[in-house]
């Protein structure tokens, strides 16, 4: 029996030693493989030009207000335009920052906030039904909002807590900053 415990201790020690290198990198890689395309394709539906949101962007982000305005973007002011543009650019830029491990914790926090707002918009603005929202602890792991987005945020929590890890631009910049800040010896 001691051999099993020793084997478990050995495996545990190996992965604990590699966790600082592997865990943030794997989280960023999985984000790139699974979620980046989703966010980028969603962002691209929100643009008619670099500073011109599409009609669909207003319908996605402000569904009830846009309906009240008879689907007329000109009836909206500067604030909705700014929100739509910020959201669209966030969907483009934040995934790139995460993938490359640049400003990783800020990008992770931004993506978590984005997912919370996205989920609330789906529930309140679009009136998502109970099946789409889902329930936790129900043995059915495929609800689009509670189940899937909890997994997304769990993945992002790894990069929020651990940063980009040693295999990231953040790590290289940290090395560069530490050598740059050292006083020259005479």
C-alpha atoms as a PDB file:
ATOM      1  CA  UNK A   1       0.000   0.000   0.000  1.00  0.00           C
ATOM      2  CA  UNK A   2       2.893   2.353   0.715  1.00  0.00           C
ATOM      3  CA  UNK A   3       4.010   1.975  -2.927  1.00  0.00           C
ATOM      4  CA  UNK A   4       0.697   3.443  -4.091  1.00  0.00           C
ATOM      5  CA  UNK A   5       1.019   6.378  -1.733  1.00  0.00           C
ATOM      6  CA  UNK A   6       4.641   6.907  -2.794  1.00  0.00           C
ATOM      7  CA  UNK A   7       3.646   6.772  -6.465  1.00  0.00           C
ATOM      8  CA  UNK A   8       0.906   9.306  -5.781  1.00  0.00           C
ATOM      9  CA  UNK A   9       3.397  11.533  -3.947  1.00  0.00           C
ATOM     10  CA  UNK A  10       5.870  11.263  -6.856  1.00  0.00           C
ATOM     11  CA  UNK A  11       3.236  12.155  -9.462  1.00  0.00           C
ATOM     12  CA  UNK A  12       2.014  14.987  -7.263  1.00  0.00           C
ATOM     13  CA  UNK A  13       5.531  16.379  -6.802  1.00  0.00           C
ATOM     14  CA  UNK A  14       6.198  16.206 -10.555  1.00  0.00           C
ATOM     15  CA  UNK A  15       3.022  18.105 -11.492  1.00  0.00           C
ATOM     16  CA  UNK A  16       3.405  20.588  -8.641  1.00  0.00           C
ATOM     17  CA  UNK A  17       6.884  21.464  -9.907  1.00  0.00           C
ATOM     18  CA  UNK A  18       5.568  21.966 -13.453  1.00  0.00           C
ATOM     19  CA  UNK A  19       2.313  23.739 -12.538  1.00  0.00           C
ATOM     20  CA  UNK A  20       3.742  27.262 -12.709  1.00  0.00           C
ATOM     21  CA  UNK A  21       4.870  26.582 -16.281  1.00  0.00           C
ATOM     22  CA  UNK A  22       2.076  24.394 -17.596  1.00  0.00           C
ATOM     23  CA  UNK A  23      -1.200  25.443 -16.002  1.00  0.00           C
ATOM     24  CA  UNK A  24      -1.370  29.045 -17.291  1.00  0.00           C
ATOM     25  CA  UNK A  25      -0.046  27.979 -20.690  1.00  0.00           C
ATOM     26  CA  UNK A  26      -2.617  25.177 -20.987  1.00  0.00           C
ATOM     27  CA  UNK A  27      -5.427  27.523 -19.913  1.00  0.00           C
ATOM     28  CA  UNK A  28      -4.385  30.038 -22.578  1.00  0.00           C
ATOM     29  CA  UNK A  29      -4.023  27.296 -25.197  1.00  0.00           C
ATOM     30  CA  UNK A  30      -7.459  25.850 -24.416  1.00  0.00           C
ATOM     31  CA  UNK A  31      -8.934  29.357 -24.552  1.00  0.00           C
ATOM     32  CA  UNK A  32      -7.337  29.840 -27.990  1.00  0.00           C
ATOM     33  CA  UNK A  33      -8.557  26.469 -29.280  1.00  0.00           C
ATOM     34  CA  UNK A  34     -12.093  26.608 -27.905  1.00  0.00           C
ATOM     35  CA  UNK A  35     -13.228  30.187 -27.254  1.00  0.00           C
ATOM     36  CA  UNK A  36     -11.176  32.731 -29.206  1.00  0.00           C
ATOM     37  CA  UNK A  37     -12.903  31.994 -32.517  1.00  0.00           C
ATOM     38  CA  UNK A  38     -16.294  32.306 -30.853  1.00  0.00           C
ATOM     39  CA  UNK A  39     -15.495  35.766 -29.496  1.00  0.00           C
ATOM     40  CA  UNK A  40     -13.836  36.993 -32.700  1.00  0.00           C
ATOM     41  CA  UNK A  41     -16.696  35.886 -34.940  1.00  0.00           C
ATOM     42  CA  UNK A  42     -19.161  37.489 -32.533  1.00  0.00           C
ATOM     43  CA  UNK A  43     -17.160  40.725 -32.594  1.00  0.00           C
ATOM     44  CA  UNK A  44     -17.071  40.829 -36.384  1.00  0.00           C
ATOM     45  CA  UNK A  45     -20.881  40.801 -36.532  1.00  0.00           C
ATOM     46  CA  UNK A  46     -20.854  44.084 -34.601  1.00  0.00           C
ATOM     47  CA  UNK A  47     -18.984  46.199 -37.172  1.00  0.00           C
ATOM     48  CA  UNK A  48     -20.014  47.944 -40.372  1.00  0.00           C
ATOM     49  CA  UNK A  49     -16.721  49.844 -40.237  1.00  0.00           C
ATOM     50  CA  UNK A  50     -13.957  50.550 -37.719  1.00  0.00           C
ATOM     51  CA  UNK A  51     -16.087  53.125 -35.885  1.00  0.00           C
ATOM     52  CA  UNK A  52     -19.476  52.154 -37.224  1.00  0.00           C
ATOM     53  CA  UNK A  53     -21.473  49.541 -35.334  1.00  0.00           C
ATOM     54  CA  UNK A  54     -23.792  47.274 -37.261  1.00  0.00           C
ATOM     55  CA  UNK A  55     -27.539  47.284 -36.724  1.00  0.00           C
ATOM     56  CA  UNK A  56     -27.148  43.758 -35.358  1.00  0.00           C
ATOM     57  CA  UNK A  57     -24.754  45.021 -32.684  1.00  0.00           C
ATOM     58  CA  UNK A  58     -27.448  47.228 -31.199  1.00  0.00           C
ATOM     59  CA  UNK A  59     -29.927  44.352 -31.427  1.00  0.00           C
ATOM     60  CA  UNK A  60     -27.506  42.011 -29.629  1.00  0.00           C
ATOM     61  CA  UNK A  61     -26.441  44.389 -26.863  1.00  0.00           C
ATOM     62  CA  UNK A  62     -29.565  46.530 -26.318  1.00  0.00           C
ATOM     63  CA  UNK A  63     -32.388  44.265 -27.547  1.00  0.00           C
ATOM     64  CA  UNK A  64     -35.316  45.845 -25.706  1.00  0.00           C
ATOM     65  CA  UNK A  65     -34.210  49.446 -26.128  1.00  0.00           C
ATOM     66  CA  UNK A  66     -33.497  48.849 -29.809  1.00  0.00           C
ATOM     67  CA  UNK A  67     -36.954  47.376 -30.300  1.00  0.00           C
ATOM     68  CA  UNK A  68     -38.457  50.418 -28.556  1.00  0.00           C
ATOM     69  CA  UNK A  69     -36.488  52.632 -30.974  1.00  0.00           C
ATOM     70  CA  UNK A  70     -38.063  50.744 -33.906  1.00  0.00           C
ATOM     71  CA  UNK A  71     -34.658  49.277 -34.786  1.00  0.00           C
ATOM     72  CA  UNK A  72     -33.322  52.694 -35.726  1.00  0.00           C
ATOM     73  CA  UNK A  73     -29.643  53.168 -34.741  1.00  0.00           C
ATOM     74  CA  UNK A  74     -29.965  56.945 -35.235  1.00  0.00           C
ATOM     75  CA  UNK A  75     -32.448  57.020 -32.351  1.00  0.00           C
ATOM     76  CA  UNK A  76     -29.603  55.982 -30.040  1.00  0.00           C
ATOM     77  CA  UNK A  77     -27.127  58.467 -28.629  1.00  0.00           C
ATOM     78  CA  UNK A  78     -23.422  58.506 -27.917  1.00  0.00           C
ATOM     79  CA  UNK A  79     -23.556  56.221 -24.851  1.00  0.00           C
ATOM     80  CA  UNK A  80     -25.029  53.141 -26.629  1.00  0.00           C
ATOM     81  CA  UNK A  81     -22.598  53.696 -29.507  1.00  0.00           C
ATOM     82  CA  UNK A  82     -19.673  53.770 -27.046  1.00  0.00           C
ATOM     83  CA  UNK A  83     -20.886  50.625 -25.257  1.00  0.00           C
ATOM     84  CA  UNK A  84     -21.282  48.742 -28.537  1.00  0.00           C
ATOM     85  CA  UNK A  85     -17.850  49.824 -29.786  1.00  0.00           C
ATOM     86  CA  UNK A  86     -16.150  49.008 -26.459  1.00  0.00           C
ATOM     87  CA  UNK A  87     -17.798  45.583 -26.356  1.00  0.00           C
ATOM     88  CA  UNK A  88     -16.899  44.785 -29.945  1.00  0.00           C
ATOM     89  CA  UNK A  89     -13.280  45.830 -29.539  1.00  0.00           C
ATOM     90  CA  UNK A  90     -13.073  43.968 -26.217  1.00  0.00           C
ATOM     91  CA  UNK A  91     -14.143  40.787 -28.022  1.00  0.00           C
ATOM     92  CA  UNK A  92     -11.297  41.290 -30.492  1.00  0.00           C
ATOM     93  CA  UNK A  93      -8.475  42.530 -28.264  1.00  0.00           C
ATOM     94  CA  UNK A  94      -8.914  40.697 -24.949  1.00  0.00           C
ATOM     95  CA  UNK A  95      -8.668  37.199 -26.499  1.00  0.00           C
ATOM     96  CA  UNK A  96      -5.467  38.220 -28.301  1.00  0.00           C
ATOM     97  CA  UNK A  97      -3.936  39.501 -25.074  1.00  0.00           C
ATOM     98  CA  UNK A  98      -4.833  36.240 -23.336  1.00  0.00           C
ATOM     99  CA  UNK A  99      -3.473  34.014 -26.084  1.00  0.00           C
ATOM    100  CA  UNK A 100      -0.124  35.809 -26.177  1.00  0.00           C
ATOM    101  CA  UNK A 101       0.034  36.203 -22.401  1.00  0.00           C
ATOM    102  CA  UNK A 102       0.261  39.992 -22.481  1.00  0.00           C
ATOM    103  CA  UNK A 103      -1.409  41.852 -19.602  1.00  0.00           C
ATOM    104  CA  UNK A 104      -2.894  38.446 -18.868  1.00  0.00           C
ATOM    105  CA  UNK A 105      -4.529  39.181 -15.528  1.00  0.00           C
ATOM    106  CA  UNK A 106      -6.163  42.380 -16.801  1.00  0.00           C
ATOM    107  CA  UNK A 107      -7.347  40.592 -19.952  1.00  0.00           C
ATOM    108  CA  UNK A 108      -8.698  37.697 -17.861  1.00  0.00           C
ATOM    109  CA  UNK A 109     -10.587  40.044 -15.579  1.00  0.00           C
ATOM    110  CA  UNK A 110     -11.938  41.885 -18.618  1.00  0.00           C
ATOM    111  CA  UNK A 111     -13.107  38.629 -20.224  1.00  0.00           C
ATOM    112  CA  UNK A 112     -14.769  37.486 -16.996  1.00  0.00           C
ATOM    113  CA  UNK A 113     -16.596  40.829 -16.792  1.00  0.00           C
ATOM    114  CA  UNK A 114     -17.525  40.535 -20.458  1.00  0.00           C
ATOM    115  CA  UNK A 115     -18.987  37.046 -19.932  1.00  0.00           C
ATOM    116  CA  UNK A 116     -21.012  38.238 -16.928  1.00  0.00           C
ATOM    117  CA  UNK A 117     -22.458  41.143 -18.945  1.00  0.00           C
ATOM    118  CA  UNK A 118     -23.058  38.844 -21.924  1.00  0.00           C
ATOM    119  CA  UNK A 119     -24.911  36.377 -19.709  1.00  0.00           C
ATOM    120  CA  UNK A 120     -27.032  39.062 -18.069  1.00  0.00           C
ATOM    121  CA  UNK A 121     -27.877  40.490 -21.499  1.00  0.00           C
ATOM    122  CA  UNK A 122     -28.950  37.035 -22.675  1.00  0.00           C
ATOM    123  CA  UNK A 123     -31.081  36.450 -19.572  1.00  0.00           C
ATOM    124  CA  UNK A 124     -32.606  39.903 -19.044  1.00  0.00           C
ATOM    125  CA  UNK A 125     -32.378  41.541 -22.460  1.00  0.00           C
ATOM    126  CA  UNK A 126     -33.144  38.576 -24.662  1.00  0.00           C
ATOM    127  CA  UNK A 127     -35.324  36.717 -22.145  1.00  0.00           C
ATOM    128  CA  UNK A 128     -33.458  33.407 -22.278  1.00  0.00           C
ATOM    129  CA  UNK A 129     -35.664  30.478 -21.321  1.00  0.00           C
ATOM    130  CA  UNK A 130     -35.002  28.164 -18.376  1.00  0.00           C
ATOM    131  CA  UNK A 131     -33.445  25.462 -20.574  1.00  0.00           C
ATOM    132  CA  UNK A 132     -30.962  27.938 -22.048  1.00  0.00           C
ATOM    133  CA  UNK A 133     -30.102  29.350 -18.624  1.00  0.00           C
ATOM    134  CA  UNK A 134     -29.887  25.914 -17.026  1.00  0.00           C
ATOM    135  CA  UNK A 135     -29.427  24.929 -13.420  1.00  0.00           C
ATOM    136  CA  UNK A 136     -26.396  23.821 -11.482  1.00  0.00           C
ATOM    137  CA  UNK A 137     -26.384  20.431  -9.758  1.00  0.00           C
ATOM    138  CA  UNK A 138     -28.970  19.071 -12.194  1.00  0.00           C
ATOM    139  CA  UNK A 139     -26.803  16.350 -13.836  1.00  0.00           C
ATOM    140  CA  UNK A 140     -27.331  18.004 -17.247  1.00  0.00           C
ATOM    141  CA  UNK A 141     -24.080  19.792 -18.177  1.00  0.00           C
ATOM    142  CA  UNK A 142     -25.093  21.429 -21.450  1.00  0.00           C
ATOM    143  CA  UNK A 143     -26.961  24.627 -20.528  1.00  0.00           C
ATOM    144  CA  UNK A 144     -25.602  27.514 -22.585  1.00  0.00           C
ATOM    145  CA  UNK A 145     -25.421  30.043 -19.786  1.00  0.00           C
ATOM    146  CA  UNK A 146     -24.839  28.625 -16.316  1.00  0.00           C
ATOM    147  CA  UNK A 147     -22.953  25.478 -17.327  1.00  0.00           C
ATOM    148  CA  UNK A 148     -20.867  26.593 -20.282  1.00  0.00           C
ATOM    149  CA  UNK A 149     -20.054  30.055 -19.039  1.00  0.00           C
ATOM    150  CA  UNK A 150     -19.107  28.769 -15.597  1.00  0.00           C
ATOM    151  CA  UNK A 151     -16.527  26.577 -17.335  1.00  0.00           C
ATOM    152  CA  UNK A 152     -15.314  29.552 -19.376  1.00  0.00           C
ATOM    153  CA  UNK A 153     -14.889  31.647 -16.250  1.00  0.00           C
ATOM    154  CA  UNK A 154     -13.184  28.771 -14.438  1.00  0.00           C
ATOM    155  CA  UNK A 155     -10.643  28.595 -17.242  1.00  0.00           C
ATOM    156  CA  UNK A 156     -10.156  32.360 -17.075  1.00  0.00           C
ATOM    157  CA  UNK A 157      -9.784  32.184 -13.281  1.00  0.00           C
ATOM    158  CA  UNK A 158      -6.598  30.154 -13.837  1.00  0.00           C
ATOM    159  CA  UNK A 159      -5.038  32.981 -15.844  1.00  0.00           C
ATOM    160  CA  UNK A 160      -6.426  35.605 -13.489  1.00  0.00           C
ATOM    161  CA  UNK A 161      -4.795  33.918 -10.492  1.00  0.00           C
ATOM    162  CA  UNK A 162      -1.571  32.650 -12.104  1.00  0.00           C
ATOM    163  CA  UNK A 163      -1.082  35.234 -14.838  1.00  0.00           C
ATOM    164  CA  UNK A 164       0.345  34.175 -18.175  1.00  0.00           C
ATOM    165  CA  UNK A 165       2.920  31.847 -16.665  1.00  0.00           C
ATOM    166  CA  UNK A 166       6.532  31.454 -17.713  1.00  0.00           C
ATOM    167  CA  UNK A 167       5.636  30.857 -21.355  1.00  0.00           C
ATOM    168  CA  UNK A 168       4.183  34.301 -22.047  1.00  0.00           C
ATOM    169  CA  UNK A 169       5.038  37.808 -23.150  1.00  0.00           C
ATOM    170  CA  UNK A 170       4.344  38.947 -19.578  1.00  0.00           C
ATOM    171  CA  UNK A 171       7.185  36.703 -18.340  1.00  0.00           C
ATOM    172  CA  UNK A 172       9.585  38.071 -20.956  1.00  0.00           C
ATOM    173  CA  UNK A 173       8.638  41.638 -20.104  1.00  0.00           C
ATOM    174  CA  UNK A 174       9.125  40.876 -16.413  1.00  0.00           C
ATOM    175  CA  UNK A 175      12.658  39.600 -17.147  1.00  0.00           C
ATOM    176  CA  UNK A 176      13.400  42.680 -19.230  1.00  0.00           C
ATOM    177  CA  UNK A 177      12.064  45.009 -16.509  1.00  0.00           C
ATOM    178  CA  UNK A 178      14.139  43.317 -13.806  1.00  0.00           C
ATOM    179  CA  UNK A 179      17.358  43.828 -15.777  1.00  0.00           C
ATOM    180  CA  UNK A 180      16.375  47.362 -16.765  1.00  0.00           C
ATOM    181  CA  UNK A 181      15.692  48.405 -13.149  1.00  0.00           C
ATOM    182  CA  UNK A 182      18.982  47.119 -11.736  1.00  0.00           C
ATOM    183  CA  UNK A 183      21.448  49.919 -11.051  1.00  0.00           C
ATOM    184  CA  UNK A 184      24.648  49.760 -13.037  1.00  0.00           C
ATOM    185  CA  UNK A 185      27.649  48.625 -11.024  1.00  0.00           C
ATOM    186  CA  UNK A 186      30.842  50.667 -11.265  1.00  0.00           C
END
